[in-house]
Amino acid sequence: MKNQILADSVLNAVDSVIWWYGALFWLFIAVIALMVWMLP
């Protein structure tokens, strides 16, 4: 039973990390797009 709890927390951690990387990735894209758009 302990292994199941461990597996669940690992999956949750991986899920959070993937979500954060996804959010950071889109933020990065938005910043690049804004910089390009601001160029004269």
PDB file of N, CA and C in Angstrom:
ATOM      1  N   MET A   1       0.833  -1.201   0.000  1.00  0.00           N
ATOM      2  CA  MET A   1       0.000   0.000   0.000  1.00  0.00           C
ATOM      3  C   MET A   1       0.873   1.260   0.000  1.00  0.00           C
ATOM      4  N   LYS A   2       1.989   1.181   0.694  1.00  0.00           N
ATOM      5  CA  LYS A   2       2.884   2.336   0.766  1.00  0.00           C
ATOM      6  C   LYS A   2       3.423   2.686  -0.625  1.00  0.00           C
ATOM      7  N   ASN A   3       3.688   1.662  -1.427  1.00  0.00           N
ATOM      8  CA  ASN A   3       4.199   1.894  -2.778  1.00  0.00           C
ATOM      9  C   ASN A   3       3.192   2.667  -3.630  1.00  0.00           C
ATOM     10  N   GLN A   4       1.911   2.385  -3.419  1.00  0.00           N
ATOM     11  CA  GLN A   4       0.868   3.070  -4.184  1.00  0.00           C
ATOM     12  C   GLN A   4       0.864   4.564  -3.862  1.00  0.00           C
ATOM     13  N   ILE A   5       0.994   4.883  -2.581  1.00  0.00           N
ATOM     14  CA  ILE A   5       1.030   6.287  -2.153  1.00  0.00           C
ATOM     15  C   ILE A   5       2.246   6.976  -2.752  1.00  0.00           C
ATOM     16  N   LEU A   6       3.375   6.288  -2.727  1.00  0.00           N
ATOM     17  CA  LEU A   6       4.611   6.837  -3.290  1.00  0.00           C
ATOM     18  C   LEU A   6       4.440   7.096  -4.786  1.00  0.00           C
ATOM     19  N   ALA A   7       3.853   6.126  -5.485  1.00  0.00           N
ATOM     20  CA  ALA A   7       3.641   6.264  -6.925  1.00  0.00           C
ATOM     21  C   ALA A   7       2.734   7.466  -7.217  1.00  0.00           C
ATOM     22  N   ASP A   8       1.694   7.628  -6.403  1.00  0.00           N
ATOM     23  CA  ASP A   8       0.774   8.751  -6.596  1.00  0.00           C
ATOM     24  C   ASP A   8       1.473  10.090  -6.418  1.00  0.00           C
ATOM     25  N   SER A   9       2.300  10.199  -5.374  1.00  0.00           N
ATOM     26  CA  SER A   9       2.982  11.475  -5.147  1.00  0.00           C
ATOM     27  C   SER A   9       4.001  11.756  -6.238  1.00  0.00           C
ATOM     28  N   VAL A  10       4.650  10.708  -6.745  1.00  0.00           N
ATOM     29  CA  VAL A  10       5.608  10.893  -7.841  1.00  0.00           C
ATOM     30  C   VAL A  10       4.870  11.383  -9.089  1.00  0.00           C
ATOM     31  N   LEU A  11       3.736  10.769  -9.387  1.00  0.00           N
ATOM     32  CA  LEU A  11       2.949  11.188 -10.551  1.00  0.00           C
ATOM     33  C   LEU A  11       2.481  12.631 -10.406  1.00  0.00           C
ATOM     34  N   ASN A  12       2.055  12.992  -9.202  1.00  0.00           N
ATOM     35  CA  ASN A  12       1.617  14.372  -8.963  1.00  0.00           C
ATOM     36  C   ASN A  12       2.760  15.347  -9.160  1.00  0.00           C
ATOM     37  N   ALA A  13       3.935  14.987  -8.675  1.00  0.00           N
ATOM     38  CA  ALA A  13       5.106  15.856  -8.810  1.00  0.00           C
ATOM     39  C   ALA A  13       5.458  16.033 -10.286  1.00  0.00           C
ATOM     40  N   VAL A  14       5.469  14.936 -11.032  1.00  0.00           N
ATOM     41  CA  VAL A  14       5.785  14.988 -12.460  1.00  0.00           C
ATOM     42  C   VAL A  14       4.763  15.864 -13.188  1.00  0.00           C
ATOM     43  N   ASP A  15       3.500  15.695 -12.828  1.00  0.00           N
ATOM     44  CA  ASP A  15       2.425  16.473 -13.435  1.00  0.00           C
ATOM     45  C   ASP A  15       2.634  17.970 -13.189  1.00  0.00           C
ATOM     46  N   SER A  16       2.983  18.332 -11.958  1.00  0.00           N
ATOM     47  CA  SER A  16       3.217  19.740 -11.621  1.00  0.00           C
ATOM     48  C   SER A  16       4.391  20.299 -12.405  1.00  0.00           C
ATOM     49  N   VAL A  17       5.467  19.520 -12.480  1.00  0.00           N
ATOM     50  CA  VAL A  17       6.667  19.967 -13.195  1.00  0.00           C
ATOM     51  C   VAL A  17       6.351  20.204 -14.668  1.00  0.00           C
ATOM     52  N   ILE A  18       5.619  19.256 -15.270  1.00  0.00           N
ATOM     53  CA  ILE A  18       5.242  19.403 -16.680  1.00  0.00           C
ATOM     54  C   ILE A  18       4.391  20.658 -16.860  1.00  0.00           C
ATOM     55  N   TRP A  19       3.463  20.898 -15.944  1.00  0.00           N
ATOM     56  CA  TRP A  19       2.595  22.071 -16.039  1.00  0.00           C
ATOM     57  C   TRP A  19       3.416  23.347 -15.947  1.00  0.00           C
ATOM     58  N   TRP A  20       4.361  23.393 -14.992  1.00  0.00           N
ATOM     59  CA  TRP A  20       5.196  24.584 -14.825  1.00  0.00           C
ATOM     60  C   TRP A  20       6.062  24.834 -16.050  1.00  0.00           C
ATOM     61  N   TYR A  21       6.659  23.769 -16.590  1.00  0.00           N
ATOM     62  CA  TYR A  21       7.489  23.942 -17.784  1.00  0.00           C
ATOM     63  C   TYR A  21       6.649  24.430 -18.953  1.00  0.00           C
ATOM     64  N   GLY A  22       5.430  23.924 -19.057  1.00  0.00           N
ATOM     65  CA  GLY A  22       4.528  24.374 -20.112  1.00  0.00           C
ATOM     66  C   GLY A  22       4.212  25.857 -19.972  1.00  0.00           C
ATOM     67  N   ALA A  23       3.915  26.281 -18.744  1.00  0.00           N
ATOM     68  CA  ALA A  23       3.592  27.686 -18.492  1.00  0.00           C
ATOM     69  C   ALA A  23       4.796  28.582 -18.791  1.00  0.00           C
ATOM     70  N   LEU A  24       5.974  28.162 -18.339  1.00  0.00           N
ATOM     71  CA  LEU A  24       7.191  28.944 -18.572  1.00  0.00           C
ATOM     72  C   LEU A  24       7.498  29.029 -20.062  1.00  0.00           C
ATOM     73  N   PHE A  25       7.264  27.907 -20.769  1.00  0.00           N
ATOM     74  CA  PHE A  25       7.515  27.863 -22.206  1.00  0.00           C
ATOM     75  C   PHE A  25       6.656  28.901 -22.936  1.00  0.00           C
ATOM     76  N   TRP A  26       5.356  28.942 -22.610  1.00  0.00           N
ATOM     77  CA  TRP A  26       4.465  29.891 -23.270  1.00  0.00           C
ATOM     78  C   TRP A  26       4.785  31.325 -22.887  1.00  0.00           C
ATOM     79  N   LEU A  27       5.219  31.525 -21.629  1.00  0.00           N
ATOM     80  CA  LEU A  27       5.615  32.866 -21.192  1.00  0.00           C
ATOM     81  C   LEU A  27       6.823  33.327 -21.999  1.00  0.00           C
ATOM     82  N   PHE A  28       7.780  32.424 -22.183  1.00  0.00           N
ATOM     83  CA  PHE A  28       8.989  32.703 -22.957  1.00  0.00           C
ATOM     84  C   PHE A  28       8.631  33.071 -24.395  1.00  0.00           C
ATOM     85  N   ILE A  29       7.733  32.287 -25.003  1.00  0.00           N
ATOM     86  CA  ILE A  29       7.284  32.558 -26.374  1.00  0.00           C
ATOM     87  C   ILE A  29       6.646  33.951 -26.449  1.00  0.00           C
ATOM     88  N   ALA A  30       5.811  34.276 -25.456  1.00  0.00           N
ATOM     89  CA  ALA A  30       5.132  35.573 -25.441  1.00  0.00           C
ATOM     90  C   ALA A  30       6.140  36.720 -25.340  1.00  0.00           C
ATOM     91  N   VAL A  31       7.152  36.556 -24.495  1.00  0.00           N
ATOM     92  CA  VAL A  31       8.176  37.598 -24.331  1.00  0.00           C
ATOM     93  C   VAL A  31       8.951  37.793 -25.632  1.00  0.00           C
ATOM     94  N   ILE A  32       9.344  36.695 -26.278  1.00  0.00           N
ATOM     95  CA  ILE A  32      10.071  36.776 -27.552  1.00  0.00           C
ATOM     96  C   ILE A  32       9.207  37.484 -28.604  1.00  0.00           C
ATOM     97  N   ALA A  33       7.940  37.088 -28.687  1.00  0.00           N
ATOM     98  CA  ALA A  33       7.028  37.690 -29.664  1.00  0.00           C
ATOM     99  C   ALA A  33       6.887  39.192 -29.413  1.00  0.00           C
ATOM    100  N   LEU A  34       6.790  39.564 -28.146  1.00  0.00           N
ATOM    101  CA  LEU A  34       6.660  40.980 -27.796  1.00  0.00           C
ATOM    102  C   LEU A  34       7.913  41.746 -28.189  1.00  0.00           C
ATOM    103  N   MET A  35       9.078  41.172 -27.931  1.00  0.00           N
ATOM    104  CA  MET A  35      10.337  41.824 -28.287  1.00  0.00           C
ATOM    105  C   MET A  35      10.449  42.011 -29.795  1.00  0.00           C
ATOM    106  N   VAL A  36      10.086  40.980 -30.546  1.00  0.00           N
ATOM    107  CA  VAL A  36      10.137  41.063 -32.009  1.00  0.00           C
ATOM    108  C   VAL A  36       9.157  42.128 -32.504  1.00  0.00           C
ATOM    109  N   TRP A  37       7.967  42.153 -31.894  1.00  0.00           N
ATOM    110  CA  TRP A  37       6.932  43.103 -32.290  1.00  0.00           C
ATOM    111  C   TRP A  37       7.362  44.532 -31.989  1.00  0.00           C
ATOM    112  N   MET A  38       8.115  44.718 -30.901  1.00  0.00           N
ATOM    113  CA  MET A  38       8.560  46.049 -30.491  1.00  0.00           C
ATOM    114  C   MET A  38       9.727  46.573 -31.332  1.00  0.00           C
ATOM    115  N   LEU A  39      10.379  45.686 -32.076  1.00  0.00           N
ATOM    116  CA  LEU A  39      11.507  46.132 -32.895  1.00  0.00           C
ATOM    117  C   LEU A  39      11.037  47.133 -33.946  1.00  0.00           C
ATOM    118  N   PRO A  40      11.826  48.153 -34.192  1.00  0.00           N
ATOM    119  CA  PRO A  40      11.457  49.173 -35.183  1.00  0.00           C
ATOM    120  C   PRO A  40      11.482  48.609 -36.607  1.00  0.00           C
TER     121      PRO A  40
END
